[in-house]
Amino acid sequence: MSEAIERARELRQAQTAAERKLWNVLRNRGVAGYKFRRQVPTGPYYADFLCVEAKLIIELDGSQHGTPEARSYDAQRTAFLESEGYYVIRFWNDHVLTNMDGAIRVIMDALGKQSDFRK
């Protein structure tokens, strides 16, 4: 088994509460019929949630992402993913845990934009 696949499995097993909650909504084509996968190797990174069909990546950030160093790393990561043709949405874990409806509205909007983009 490849190192990337093994690492992705480890990440899936170590989900945060916010990742579990969002996955319960996204899985089984739960949002507008789009298929999402979780912890997908994408270049040197692992996308928290990836919809290949819409070229959409959703990243969830905990408090450790609030430092200047982490923000810089996240900006580089997002720039790389966007250079690969993905649209990246970032949510704070707290946002997903306390306002799932709002998060889903943002995701639905992004899926609509991505659908329009592909036409």
PDB file of N, CA and C in Angstrom:
ATOM      1  N   MET A   1       0.844  -1.179   0.000  1.00  0.00           N
ATOM      2  CA  MET A   1       0.000   0.000   0.000  1.00  0.00           C
ATOM      3  C   MET A   1       0.892   1.246   0.000  1.00  0.00           C
ATOM      4  N   SER A   2       0.489   2.250  -0.776  1.00  0.00           N
ATOM      5  CA  SER A   2       1.319   3.445  -0.869  1.00  0.00           C
ATOM      6  C   SER A   2       1.269   4.247   0.432  1.00  0.00           C
ATOM      7  N   GLU A   3       2.314   5.010   0.639  1.00  0.00           N
ATOM      8  CA  GLU A   3       2.398   5.854   1.831  1.00  0.00           C
ATOM      9  C   GLU A   3       1.262   6.877   1.869  1.00  0.00           C
ATOM     10  N   ALA A   4       0.909   7.437   0.709  1.00  0.00           N
ATOM     11  CA  ALA A   4      -0.156   8.436   0.645  1.00  0.00           C
ATOM     12  C   ALA A   4      -1.498   7.832   1.045  1.00  0.00           C
ATOM     13  N   ILE A   5      -1.783   6.633   0.570  1.00  0.00           N
ATOM     14  CA  ILE A   5      -3.053   5.980   0.912  1.00  0.00           C
ATOM     15  C   ILE A   5      -3.105   5.662   2.401  1.00  0.00           C
ATOM     16  N   GLU A   6      -2.000   5.183   2.927  1.00  0.00           N
ATOM     17  CA  GLU A   6      -1.957   4.881   4.357  1.00  0.00           C
ATOM     18  C   GLU A   6      -2.157   6.144   5.193  1.00  0.00           C
ATOM     19  N   ARG A   7      -1.495   7.232   4.805  1.00  0.00           N
ATOM     20  CA  ARG A   7      -1.647   8.495   5.539  1.00  0.00           C
ATOM     21  C   ARG A   7      -3.080   8.997   5.454  1.00  0.00           C
ATOM     22  N   ALA A   8      -3.710   8.888   4.287  1.00  0.00           N
ATOM     23  CA  ALA A   8      -5.100   9.313   4.131  1.00  0.00           C
ATOM     24  C   ALA A   8      -6.010   8.507   5.059  1.00  0.00           C
ATOM     25  N   ARG A   9      -5.770   7.226   5.172  1.00  0.00           N
ATOM     26  CA  ARG A   9      -6.565   6.393   6.089  1.00  0.00           C
ATOM     27  C   ARG A   9      -6.387   6.839   7.528  1.00  0.00           C
ATOM     28  N   GLU A  10      -5.158   7.146   7.906  1.00  0.00           N
ATOM     29  CA  GLU A  10      -4.895   7.629   9.268  1.00  0.00           C
ATOM     30  C   GLU A  10      -5.660   8.925   9.530  1.00  0.00           C
ATOM     31  N   LEU A  11      -5.638   9.835   8.567  1.00  0.00           N
ATOM     32  CA  LEU A  11      -6.336  11.107   8.727  1.00  0.00           C
ATOM     33  C   LEU A  11      -7.846  10.904   8.836  1.00  0.00           C
ATOM     34  N   ARG A  12      -8.391   9.977   8.049  1.00  0.00           N
ATOM     35  CA  ARG A  12      -9.826   9.702   8.131  1.00  0.00           C
ATOM     36  C   ARG A  12     -10.211   9.150   9.495  1.00  0.00           C
ATOM     37  N   GLN A  13      -9.344   8.346  10.076  1.00  0.00           N
ATOM     38  CA  GLN A  13      -9.640   7.761  11.382  1.00  0.00           C
ATOM     39  C   GLN A  13      -9.482   8.773  12.510  1.00  0.00           C
ATOM     40  N   ALA A  14      -8.740   9.838  12.287  1.00  0.00           N
ATOM     41  CA  ALA A  14      -8.477  10.841  13.320  1.00  0.00           C
ATOM     42  C   ALA A  14      -9.261  12.129  13.058  1.00  0.00           C
ATOM     43  N   GLN A  15     -10.459  12.016  12.524  1.00  0.00           N
ATOM     44  CA  GLN A  15     -11.258  13.194  12.202  1.00  0.00           C
ATOM     45  C   GLN A  15     -11.573  14.031  13.436  1.00  0.00           C
ATOM     46  N   THR A  16     -11.672  15.321  13.225  1.00  0.00           N
ATOM     47  CA  THR A  16     -12.146  16.207  14.281  1.00  0.00           C
ATOM     48  C   THR A  16     -13.668  16.099  14.346  1.00  0.00           C
ATOM     49  N   ALA A  17     -14.255  16.653  15.404  1.00  0.00           N
ATOM     50  CA  ALA A  17     -15.718  16.651  15.529  1.00  0.00           C
ATOM     51  C   ALA A  17     -16.365  17.389  14.355  1.00  0.00           C
ATOM     52  N   ALA A  18     -15.750  18.496  13.940  1.00  0.00           N
ATOM     53  CA  ALA A  18     -16.294  19.264  12.816  1.00  0.00           C
ATOM     54  C   ALA A  18     -16.217  18.467  11.514  1.00  0.00           C
ATOM     55  N   GLU A  19     -15.111  17.768  11.297  1.00  0.00           N
ATOM     56  CA  GLU A  19     -14.981  16.944  10.091  1.00  0.00           C
ATOM     57  C   GLU A  19     -16.031  15.833  10.085  1.00  0.00           C
ATOM     58  N   ARG A  20     -16.246  15.199  11.226  1.00  0.00           N
ATOM     59  CA  ARG A  20     -17.272  14.138  11.305  1.00  0.00           C
ATOM     60  C   ARG A  20     -18.651  14.696  10.990  1.00  0.00           C
ATOM     61  N   LYS A  21     -18.954  15.847  11.576  1.00  0.00           N
ATOM     62  CA  LYS A  21     -20.277  16.449  11.380  1.00  0.00           C
ATOM     63  C   LYS A  21     -20.495  16.822   9.912  1.00  0.00           C
ATOM     64  N   LEU A  22     -19.492  17.440   9.292  1.00  0.00           N
ATOM     65  CA  LEU A  22     -19.635  17.821   7.884  1.00  0.00           C
ATOM     66  C   LEU A  22     -19.685  16.580   6.994  1.00  0.00           C
ATOM     67  N   TRP A  23     -18.865  15.578   7.286  1.00  0.00           N
ATOM     68  CA  TRP A  23     -18.861  14.365   6.484  1.00  0.00           C
ATOM     69  C   TRP A  23     -20.235  13.695   6.510  1.00  0.00           C
ATOM     70  N   ASN A  24     -20.907  13.727   7.652  1.00  0.00           N
ATOM     71  CA  ASN A  24     -22.240  13.120   7.744  1.00  0.00           C
ATOM     72  C   ASN A  24     -23.229  13.785   6.801  1.00  0.00           C
ATOM     73  N   VAL A  25     -22.989  15.045   6.458  1.00  0.00           N
ATOM     74  CA  VAL A  25     -23.850  15.751   5.508  1.00  0.00           C
ATOM     75  C   VAL A  25     -23.391  15.505   4.069  1.00  0.00           C
ATOM     76  N   LEU A  26     -22.086  15.537   3.827  1.00  0.00           N
ATOM     77  CA  LEU A  26     -21.558  15.428   2.461  1.00  0.00           C
ATOM     78  C   LEU A  26     -21.623  14.014   1.898  1.00  0.00           C
ATOM     79  N   ARG A  27     -21.477  13.006   2.755  1.00  0.00           N
ATOM     80  CA  ARG A  27     -21.356  11.625   2.277  1.00  0.00           C
ATOM     81  C   ARG A  27     -22.609  11.163   1.542  1.00  0.00           C
ATOM     82  N   ASN A  28     -22.438  10.148   0.740  1.00  0.00           N
ATOM     83  CA  ASN A  28     -23.544   9.554  -0.029  1.00  0.00           C
ATOM     84  C   ASN A  28     -24.283  10.585  -0.881  1.00  0.00           C
ATOM     85  N   ARG A  29     -23.509  11.501  -1.470  1.00  0.00           N
ATOM     86  CA  ARG A  29     -24.071  12.532  -2.354  1.00  0.00           C
ATOM     87  C   ARG A  29     -25.145  13.364  -1.652  1.00  0.00           C
ATOM     88  N   GLY A  30     -24.887  13.677  -0.387  1.00  0.00           N
ATOM     89  CA  GLY A  30     -25.862  14.372   0.444  1.00  0.00           C
ATOM     90  C   GLY A  30     -26.067  15.840   0.143  1.00  0.00           C
ATOM     91  N   VAL A  31     -25.199  16.438  -0.654  1.00  0.00           N
ATOM     92  CA  VAL A  31     -25.347  17.855  -0.999  1.00  0.00           C
ATOM     93  C   VAL A  31     -25.458  17.969  -2.519  1.00  0.00           C
ATOM     94  N   ALA A  32     -26.672  18.248  -2.966  1.00  0.00           N
ATOM     95  CA  ALA A  32     -26.959  18.491  -4.387  1.00  0.00           C
ATOM     96  C   ALA A  32     -26.524  17.347  -5.297  1.00  0.00           C
ATOM     97  N   GLY A  33     -26.403  16.142  -4.743  1.00  0.00           N
ATOM     98  CA  GLY A  33     -26.042  14.987  -5.554  1.00  0.00           C
ATOM     99  C   GLY A  33     -24.569  14.880  -5.911  1.00  0.00           C
ATOM    100  N   TYR A  34     -23.730  15.751  -5.352  1.00  0.00           N
ATOM    101  CA  TYR A  34     -22.298  15.725  -5.644  1.00  0.00           C
ATOM    102  C   TYR A  34     -21.587  14.718  -4.754  1.00  0.00           C
ATOM    103  N   LYS A  35     -20.638  14.003  -5.331  1.00  0.00           N
ATOM    104  CA  LYS A  35     -19.861  13.022  -4.584  1.00  0.00           C
ATOM    105  C   LYS A  35     -18.624  13.689  -3.991  1.00  0.00           C
ATOM    106  N   PHE A  36     -18.489  13.579  -2.686  1.00  0.00           N
ATOM    107  CA  PHE A  36     -17.314  14.078  -1.982  1.00  0.00           C
ATOM    108  C   PHE A  36     -16.516  12.911  -1.438  1.00  0.00           C
ATOM    109  N   ARG A  37     -15.212  13.077  -1.416  1.00  0.00           N
ATOM    110  CA  ARG A  37     -14.295  12.135  -0.768  1.00  0.00           C
ATOM    111  C   ARG A  37     -13.573  12.906   0.310  1.00  0.00           C
ATOM    112  N   ARG A  38     -13.043  12.196   1.294  1.00  0.00           N
ATOM    113  CA  ARG A  38     -12.346  12.889   2.383  1.00  0.00           C
ATOM    114  C   ARG A  38     -10.899  12.459   2.474  1.00  0.00           C
ATOM    115  N   GLN A  39     -10.071  13.397   2.916  1.00  0.00           N
ATOM    116  CA  GLN A  39      -8.639  13.192   3.087  1.00  0.00           C
ATOM    117  C   GLN A  39      -7.999  12.606   1.828  1.00  0.00           C
ATOM    118  N   VAL A  40      -8.141  13.345   0.749  1.00  0.00           N
ATOM    119  CA  VAL A  40      -7.670  12.902  -0.563  1.00  0.00           C
ATOM    120  C   VAL A  40      -6.288  13.491  -0.838  1.00  0.00           C
ATOM    121  N   PRO A  41      -5.296  12.641  -1.139  1.00  0.00           N
ATOM    122  CA  PRO A  41      -3.982  13.172  -1.517  1.00  0.00           C
ATOM    123  C   PRO A  41      -4.117  14.038  -2.773  1.00  0.00           C
ATOM    124  N   THR A  42      -3.637  15.273  -2.647  1.00  0.00           N
ATOM    125  CA  THR A  42      -3.724  16.233  -3.745  1.00  0.00           C
ATOM    126  C   THR A  42      -2.387  16.966  -3.793  1.00  0.00           C
ATOM    127  N   GLY A  43      -1.525  16.538  -4.709  1.00  0.00           N
ATOM    128  CA  GLY A  43      -0.162  17.066  -4.718  1.00  0.00           C
ATOM    129  C   GLY A  43       0.499  16.679  -3.405  1.00  0.00           C
ATOM    130  N   PRO A  44       1.184  17.613  -2.766  1.00  0.00           N
ATOM    131  CA  PRO A  44       1.852  17.296  -1.500  1.00  0.00           C
ATOM    132  C   PRO A  44       0.919  17.396  -0.286  1.00  0.00           C
ATOM    133  N   TYR A  45      -0.363  17.676  -0.513  1.00  0.00           N
ATOM    134  CA  TYR A  45      -1.313  17.918   0.568  1.00  0.00           C
ATOM    135  C   TYR A  45      -2.398  16.844   0.596  1.00  0.00           C
ATOM    136  N   TYR A  46      -3.213  16.906   1.639  1.00  0.00           N
ATOM    137  CA  TYR A  46      -4.393  16.054   1.765  1.00  0.00           C
ATOM    138  C   TYR A  46      -5.587  16.981   1.919  1.00  0.00           C
ATOM    139  N   ALA A  47      -6.467  16.950   0.943  1.00  0.00           N
ATOM    140  CA  ALA A  47      -7.669  17.785   0.995  1.00  0.00           C
ATOM    141  C   ALA A  47      -8.633  17.180   2.000  1.00  0.00           C
ATOM    142  N   ASP A  48      -9.166  18.002   2.908  1.00  0.00           N
ATOM    143  CA  ASP A  48     -10.119  17.486   3.885  1.00  0.00           C
ATOM    144  C   ASP A  48     -11.308  16.859   3.165  1.00  0.00           C
ATOM    145  N   PHE A  49     -11.902  17.602   2.240  1.00  0.00           N
ATOM    146  CA  PHE A  49     -13.027  17.096   1.449  1.00  0.00           C
ATOM    147  C   PHE A  49     -12.830  17.561   0.012  1.00  0.00           C
ATOM    148  N   LEU A  50     -13.029  16.647  -0.921  1.00  0.00           N
ATOM    149  CA  LEU A  50     -12.803  16.944  -2.332  1.00  0.00           C
ATOM    150  C   LEU A  50     -13.955  16.426  -3.161  1.00  0.00           C
ATOM    151  N   CYS A  51     -14.489  17.292  -4.010  1.00  0.00           N
ATOM    152  CA  CYS A  51     -15.463  16.896  -5.019  1.00  0.00           C
ATOM    153  C   CYS A  51     -14.762  17.040  -6.363  1.00  0.00           C
ATOM    154  N   VAL A  52     -14.382  15.909  -6.944  1.00  0.00           N
ATOM    155  CA  VAL A  52     -13.654  15.917  -8.215  1.00  0.00           C
ATOM    156  C   VAL A  52     -14.509  16.540  -9.311  1.00  0.00           C
ATOM    157  N   GLU A  53     -15.774  16.156  -9.351  1.00  0.00           N
ATOM    158  CA  GLU A  53     -16.692  16.608 -10.388  1.00  0.00           C
ATOM    159  C   GLU A  53     -16.772  18.142 -10.444  1.00  0.00           C
ATOM    160  N   ALA A  54     -16.802  18.789  -9.288  1.00  0.00           N
ATOM    161  CA  ALA A  54     -16.921  20.249  -9.236  1.00  0.00           C
ATOM    162  C   ALA A  54     -15.579  20.942  -9.049  1.00  0.00           C
ATOM    163  N   LYS A  55     -14.495  20.142  -8.916  1.00  0.00           N
ATOM    164  CA  LYS A  55     -13.170  20.717  -8.648  1.00  0.00           C
ATOM    165  C   LYS A  55     -13.223  21.627  -7.407  1.00  0.00           C
ATOM    166  N   LEU A  56     -13.915  21.143  -6.376  1.00  0.00           N
ATOM    167  CA  LEU A  56     -14.116  21.898  -5.146  1.00  0.00           C
ATOM    168  C   LEU A  56     -13.437  21.189  -3.981  1.00  0.00           C
ATOM    169  N   ILE A  57     -12.685  21.942  -3.203  1.00  0.00           N
ATOM    170  CA  ILE A  57     -12.054  21.433  -1.988  1.00  0.00           C
ATOM    171  C   ILE A  57     -12.579  22.243  -0.815  1.00  0.00           C
ATOM    172  N   ILE A  58     -12.945  21.520   0.250  1.00  0.00           N
ATOM    173  CA  ILE A  58     -13.383  22.152   1.488  1.00  0.00           C
ATOM    174  C   ILE A  58     -12.356  21.814   2.560  1.00  0.00           C
ATOM    175  N   GLU A  59     -11.822  22.847   3.196  1.00  0.00           N
ATOM    176  CA  GLU A  59     -10.843  22.686   4.271  1.00  0.00           C
ATOM    177  C   GLU A  59     -11.458  23.185   5.568  1.00  0.00           C
ATOM    178  N   LEU A  60     -11.282  22.425   6.638  1.00  0.00           N
ATOM    179  CA  LEU A  60     -11.738  22.842   7.963  1.00  0.00           C
ATOM    180  C   LEU A  60     -10.521  23.161   8.815  1.00  0.00           C
ATOM    181  N   ASP A  61     -10.570  24.304   9.471  1.00  0.00           N
ATOM    182  CA  ASP A  61      -9.434  24.788  10.237  1.00  0.00           C
ATOM    183  C   ASP A  61      -9.787  24.914  11.713  1.00  0.00           C
ATOM    184  N   GLY A  62      -8.940  24.366  12.559  1.00  0.00           N
ATOM    185  CA  GLY A  62      -9.059  24.529  13.999  1.00  0.00           C
ATOM    186  C   GLY A  62      -8.236  25.710  14.456  1.00  0.00           C
ATOM    187  N   SER A  63      -8.186  25.911  15.755  1.00  0.00           N
ATOM    188  CA  SER A  63      -7.501  27.080  16.317  1.00  0.00           C
ATOM    189  C   SER A  63      -6.007  27.109  15.989  1.00  0.00           C
ATOM    190  N   GLN A  64      -5.426  25.941  15.724  1.00  0.00           N
ATOM    191  CA  GLN A  64      -3.996  25.903  15.391  1.00  0.00           C
ATOM    192  C   GLN A  64      -3.705  26.628  14.076  1.00  0.00           C
ATOM    193  N   HIS A  65      -4.734  26.904  13.300  1.00  0.00           N
ATOM    194  CA  HIS A  65      -4.555  27.610  12.026  1.00  0.00           C
ATOM    195  C   HIS A  65      -4.552  29.125  12.204  1.00  0.00           C
ATOM    196  N   GLY A  66      -4.679  29.605  13.440  1.00  0.00           N
ATOM    197  CA  GLY A  66      -4.774  31.033  13.691  1.00  0.00           C
ATOM    198  C   GLY A  66      -3.449  31.757  13.836  1.00  0.00           C
ATOM    199  N   THR A  67      -2.348  31.031  13.890  1.00  0.00           N
ATOM    200  CA  THR A  67      -1.051  31.696  14.045  1.00  0.00           C
ATOM    201  C   THR A  67      -0.600  32.282  12.704  1.00  0.00           C
ATOM    202  N   PRO A  68       0.261  33.284  12.739  1.00  0.00           N
ATOM    203  CA  PRO A  68       0.765  33.841  11.470  1.00  0.00           C
ATOM    204  C   PRO A  68       1.460  32.783  10.603  1.00  0.00           C
ATOM    205  N   GLU A  69       2.212  31.895  11.221  1.00  0.00           N
ATOM    206  CA  GLU A  69       2.899  30.842  10.454  1.00  0.00           C
ATOM    207  C   GLU A  69       1.886  29.907   9.785  1.00  0.00           C
ATOM    208  N   ALA A  70       0.858  29.524  10.531  1.00  0.00           N
ATOM    209  CA  ALA A  70      -0.154  28.627   9.972  1.00  0.00           C
ATOM    210  C   ALA A  70      -0.944  29.312   8.867  1.00  0.00           C
ATOM    211  N   ARG A  71      -1.254  30.595   9.060  1.00  0.00           N
ATOM    212  CA  ARG A  71      -1.984  31.325   8.011  1.00  0.00           C
ATOM    213  C   ARG A  71      -1.159  31.406   6.734  1.00  0.00           C
ATOM    214  N   SER A  72       0.147  31.612   6.880  1.00  0.00           N
ATOM    215  CA  SER A  72       1.038  31.652   5.724  1.00  0.00           C
ATOM    216  C   SER A  72       1.065  30.291   5.022  1.00  0.00           C
ATOM    217  N   TYR A  73       1.190  29.223   5.807  1.00  0.00           N
ATOM    218  CA  TYR A  73       1.192  27.868   5.244  1.00  0.00           C
ATOM    219  C   TYR A  73      -0.127  27.587   4.524  1.00  0.00           C
ATOM    220  N   ASP A  74      -1.249  27.951   5.161  1.00  0.00           N
ATOM    221  CA  ASP A  74      -2.558  27.723   4.551  1.00  0.00           C
ATOM    222  C   ASP A  74      -2.713  28.512   3.256  1.00  0.00           C
ATOM    223  N   ALA A  75      -2.182  29.729   3.218  1.00  0.00           N
ATOM    224  CA  ALA A  75      -2.250  30.539   1.994  1.00  0.00           C
ATOM    225  C   ALA A  75      -1.450  29.885   0.868  1.00  0.00           C
ATOM    226  N   GLN A  76      -0.269  29.352   1.196  1.00  0.00           N
ATOM    227  CA  GLN A  76       0.540  28.651   0.186  1.00  0.00           C
ATOM    228  C   GLN A  76      -0.186  27.397  -0.299  1.00  0.00           C
ATOM    229  N   ARG A  77      -0.767  26.688   0.626  1.00  0.00           N
ATOM    230  CA  ARG A  77      -1.514  25.463   0.305  1.00  0.00           C
ATOM    231  C   ARG A  77      -2.693  25.795  -0.612  1.00  0.00           C
ATOM    232  N   THR A  78      -3.454  26.815  -0.250  1.00  0.00           N
ATOM    233  CA  THR A  78      -4.597  27.220  -1.067  1.00  0.00           C
ATOM    234  C   THR A  78      -4.133  27.660  -2.451  1.00  0.00           C
ATOM    235  N   ALA A  79      -3.060  28.415  -2.522  1.00  0.00           N
ATOM    236  CA  ALA A  79      -2.531  28.867  -3.817  1.00  0.00           C
ATOM    237  C   ALA A  79      -2.151  27.676  -4.686  1.00  0.00           C
ATOM    238  N   PHE A  80      -1.505  26.670  -4.090  1.00  0.00           N
ATOM    239  CA  PHE A  80      -1.146  25.476  -4.853  1.00  0.00           C
ATOM    240  C   PHE A  80      -2.401  24.777  -5.369  1.00  0.00           C
ATOM    241  N   LEU A  81      -3.375  24.563  -4.501  1.00  0.00           N
ATOM    242  CA  LEU A  81      -4.599  23.857  -4.900  1.00  0.00           C
ATOM    243  C   LEU A  81      -5.337  24.627  -5.993  1.00  0.00           C
ATOM    244  N   GLU A  82      -5.382  25.945  -5.865  1.00  0.00           N
ATOM    245  CA  GLU A  82      -6.025  26.758  -6.901  1.00  0.00           C
ATOM    246  C   GLU A  82      -5.248  26.685  -8.208  1.00  0.00           C
ATOM    247  N   SER A  83      -3.922  26.602  -8.132  1.00  0.00           N
ATOM    248  CA  SER A  83      -3.117  26.487  -9.355  1.00  0.00           C
ATOM    249  C   SER A  83      -3.369  25.155 -10.058  1.00  0.00           C
ATOM    250  N   GLU A  84      -3.872  24.190  -9.317  1.00  0.00           N
ATOM    251  CA  GLU A  84      -4.229  22.888  -9.881  1.00  0.00           C
ATOM    252  C   GLU A  84      -5.671  22.880 -10.406  1.00  0.00           C
ATOM    253  N   GLY A  85      -6.343  24.032 -10.333  1.00  0.00           N
ATOM    254  CA  GLY A  85      -7.683  24.161 -10.884  1.00  0.00           C
ATOM    255  C   GLY A  85      -8.816  23.962  -9.892  1.00  0.00           C
ATOM    256  N   TYR A  86      -8.505  23.859  -8.612  1.00  0.00           N
ATOM    257  CA  TYR A  86      -9.538  23.670  -7.595  1.00  0.00           C
ATOM    258  C   TYR A  86     -10.013  25.002  -7.046  1.00  0.00           C
ATOM    259  N   TYR A  87     -11.276  25.030  -6.650  1.00  0.00           N
ATOM    260  CA  TYR A  87     -11.831  26.140  -5.893  1.00  0.00           C
ATOM    261  C   TYR A  87     -11.805  25.694  -4.440  1.00  0.00           C
ATOM    262  N   VAL A  88     -11.223  26.498  -3.558  1.00  0.00           N
ATOM    263  CA  VAL A  88     -11.023  26.099  -2.166  1.00  0.00           C
ATOM    264  C   VAL A  88     -11.889  26.956  -1.253  1.00  0.00           C
ATOM    265  N   ILE A  89     -12.646  26.283  -0.394  1.00  0.00           N
ATOM    266  CA  ILE A  89     -13.430  26.937   0.651  1.00  0.00           C
ATOM    267  C   ILE A  89     -12.800  26.543   1.980  1.00  0.00           C
ATOM    268  N   ARG A  90     -12.631  27.519   2.852  1.00  0.00           N
ATOM    269  CA  ARG A  90     -12.111  27.239   4.199  1.00  0.00           C
ATOM    270  C   ARG A  90     -13.157  27.657   5.219  1.00  0.00           C
ATOM    271  N   PHE A  91     -13.397  26.786   6.188  1.00  0.00           N
ATOM    272  CA  PHE A  91     -14.268  27.091   7.314  1.00  0.00           C
ATOM    273  C   PHE A  91     -13.495  26.869   8.602  1.00  0.00           C
ATOM    274  N   TRP A  92     -13.799  27.658   9.613  1.00  0.00           N
ATOM    275  CA  TRP A  92     -13.326  27.355  10.955  1.00  0.00           C
ATOM    276  C   TRP A  92     -14.172  26.204  11.489  1.00  0.00           C
ATOM    277  N   ASN A  93     -13.572  25.330  12.248  1.00  0.00           N
ATOM    278  CA  ASN A  93     -14.306  24.216  12.862  1.00  0.00           C
ATOM    279  C   ASN A  93     -15.543  24.723  13.595  1.00  0.00           C
ATOM    280  N   ASP A  94     -15.387  25.806  14.371  1.00  0.00           N
ATOM    281  CA  ASP A  94     -16.518  26.349  15.148  1.00  0.00           C
ATOM    282  C   ASP A  94     -17.687  26.718  14.252  1.00  0.00           C
ATOM    283  N   HIS A  95     -17.390  27.235  13.063  1.00  0.00           N
ATOM    284  CA  HIS A  95     -18.461  27.612  12.134  1.00  0.00           C
ATOM    285  C   HIS A  95     -19.277  26.384  11.744  1.00  0.00           C
ATOM    286  N   VAL A  96     -18.604  25.305  11.420  1.00  0.00           N
ATOM    287  CA  VAL A  96     -19.304  24.075  11.033  1.00  0.00           C
ATOM    288  C   VAL A  96     -20.103  23.523  12.212  1.00  0.00           C
ATOM    289  N   LEU A  97     -19.516  23.568  13.396  1.00  0.00           N
ATOM    290  CA  LEU A  97     -20.181  23.006  14.573  1.00  0.00           C
ATOM    291  C   LEU A  97     -21.390  23.823  15.025  1.00  0.00           C
ATOM    292  N   THR A  98     -21.359  25.127  14.793  1.00  0.00           N
ATOM    293  CA  THR A  98     -22.443  25.977  15.298  1.00  0.00           C
ATOM    294  C   THR A  98     -23.377  26.508  14.223  1.00  0.00           C
ATOM    295  N   ASN A  99     -22.980  26.413  12.957  1.00  0.00           N
ATOM    296  CA  ASN A  99     -23.804  26.968  11.879  1.00  0.00           C
ATOM    297  C   ASN A  99     -23.704  26.094  10.622  1.00  0.00           C
ATOM    298  N   MET A 100     -24.062  24.835  10.773  1.00  0.00           N
ATOM    299  CA  MET A 100     -23.977  23.907   9.642  1.00  0.00           C
ATOM    300  C   MET A 100     -24.817  24.396   8.465  1.00  0.00           C
ATOM    301  N   ASP A 101     -26.009  24.929   8.737  1.00  0.00           N
ATOM    302  CA  ASP A 101     -26.859  25.410   7.643  1.00  0.00           C
ATOM    303  C   ASP A 101     -26.150  26.489   6.833  1.00  0.00           C
ATOM    304  N   GLY A 102     -25.475  27.407   7.514  1.00  0.00           N
ATOM    305  CA  GLY A 102     -24.728  28.453   6.820  1.00  0.00           C
ATOM    306  C   GLY A 102     -23.587  27.879   6.000  1.00  0.00           C
ATOM    307  N   ALA A 103     -22.874  26.901   6.562  1.00  0.00           N
ATOM    308  CA  ALA A 103     -21.774  26.263   5.831  1.00  0.00           C
ATOM    309  C   ALA A 103     -22.297  25.566   4.579  1.00  0.00           C
ATOM    310  N   ILE A 104     -23.408  24.873   4.710  1.00  0.00           N
ATOM    311  CA  ILE A 104     -23.976  24.168   3.548  1.00  0.00           C
ATOM    312  C   ILE A 104     -24.419  25.159   2.481  1.00  0.00           C
ATOM    313  N   ARG A 105     -24.955  26.300   2.894  1.00  0.00           N
ATOM    314  CA  ARG A 105     -25.333  27.327   1.906  1.00  0.00           C
ATOM    315  C   ARG A 105     -24.110  27.812   1.131  1.00  0.00           C
ATOM    316  N   VAL A 106     -22.982  28.011   1.824  1.00  0.00           N
ATOM    317  CA  VAL A 106     -21.745  28.439   1.152  1.00  0.00           C
ATOM    318  C   VAL A 106     -21.278  27.351   0.178  1.00  0.00           C
ATOM    319  N   ILE A 107     -21.347  26.105   0.599  1.00  0.00           N
ATOM    320  CA  ILE A 107     -20.939  24.981  -0.258  1.00  0.00           C
ATOM    321  C   ILE A 107     -21.856  24.888  -1.475  1.00  0.00           C
ATOM    322  N   MET A 108     -23.157  24.999  -1.268  1.00  0.00           N
ATOM    323  CA  MET A 108     -24.112  24.945  -2.386  1.00  0.00           C
ATOM    324  C   MET A 108     -23.841  26.076  -3.378  1.00  0.00           C
ATOM    325  N   ASP A 109     -23.568  27.267  -2.856  1.00  0.00           N
ATOM    326  CA  ASP A 109     -23.248  28.404  -3.723  1.00  0.00           C
ATOM    327  C   ASP A 109     -21.996  28.103  -4.544  1.00  0.00           C
ATOM    328  N   ALA A 110     -20.970  27.552  -3.885  1.00  0.00           N
ATOM    329  CA  ALA A 110     -19.729  27.217  -4.596  1.00  0.00           C
ATOM    330  C   ALA A 110     -19.973  26.147  -5.649  1.00  0.00           C
ATOM    331  N   LEU A 111     -20.788  25.164  -5.332  1.00  0.00           N
ATOM    332  CA  LEU A 111     -21.095  24.122  -6.312  1.00  0.00           C
ATOM    333  C   LEU A 111     -21.815  24.716  -7.507  1.00  0.00           C
ATOM    334  N   GLY A 112     -22.695  25.661  -7.268  1.00  0.00           N
ATOM    335  CA  GLY A 112     -23.398  26.339  -8.367  1.00  0.00           C
ATOM    336  C   GLY A 112     -22.430  27.111  -9.235  1.00  0.00           C
ATOM    337  N   LYS A 113     -21.498  27.827  -8.601  1.00  0.00           N
ATOM    338  CA  LYS A 113     -20.502  28.586  -9.356  1.00  0.00           C
ATOM    339  C   LYS A 113     -19.620  27.660 -10.147  1.00  0.00           C
ATOM    340  N   GLN A 114     -19.220  26.539  -9.540  1.00  0.00           N
ATOM    341  CA  GLN A 114     -18.367  25.594 -10.234  1.00  0.00           C
ATOM    342  C   GLN A 114     -19.111  24.956 -11.393  1.00  0.00           C
ATOM    343  N   SER A 115     -20.394  24.670 -11.207  1.00  0.00           N
ATOM    344  CA  SER A 115     -21.189  24.105 -12.305  1.00  0.00           C
ATOM    345  C   SER A 115     -21.258  25.087 -13.475  1.00  0.00           C
ATOM    346  N   ASP A 116     -21.500  26.362 -13.158  1.00  0.00           N
ATOM    347  CA  ASP A 116     -21.566  27.378 -14.201  1.00  0.00           C
ATOM    348  C   ASP A 116     -20.230  27.517 -14.900  1.00  0.00           C
ATOM    349  N   PHE A 117     -19.131  27.432 -14.148  1.00  0.00           N
ATOM    350  CA  PHE A 117     -17.779  27.567 -14.686  1.00  0.00           C
ATOM    351  C   PHE A 117     -17.482  26.473 -15.716  1.00  0.00           C
ATOM    352  N   ARG A 118     -17.954  25.254 -15.464  1.00  0.00           N
ATOM    353  CA  ARG A 118     -17.633  24.118 -16.333  1.00  0.00           C
ATOM    354  C   ARG A 118     -18.430  24.154 -17.643  1.00  0.00           C
ATOM    355  N   LYS A 119     -19.460  24.942 -17.733  1.00  0.00           N
ATOM    356  CA  LYS A 119     -20.294  24.949 -18.952  1.00  0.00           C
ATOM    357  C   LYS A 119     -19.629  25.689 -20.075  1.00  0.00           C
TER     358      LYS A 119
END
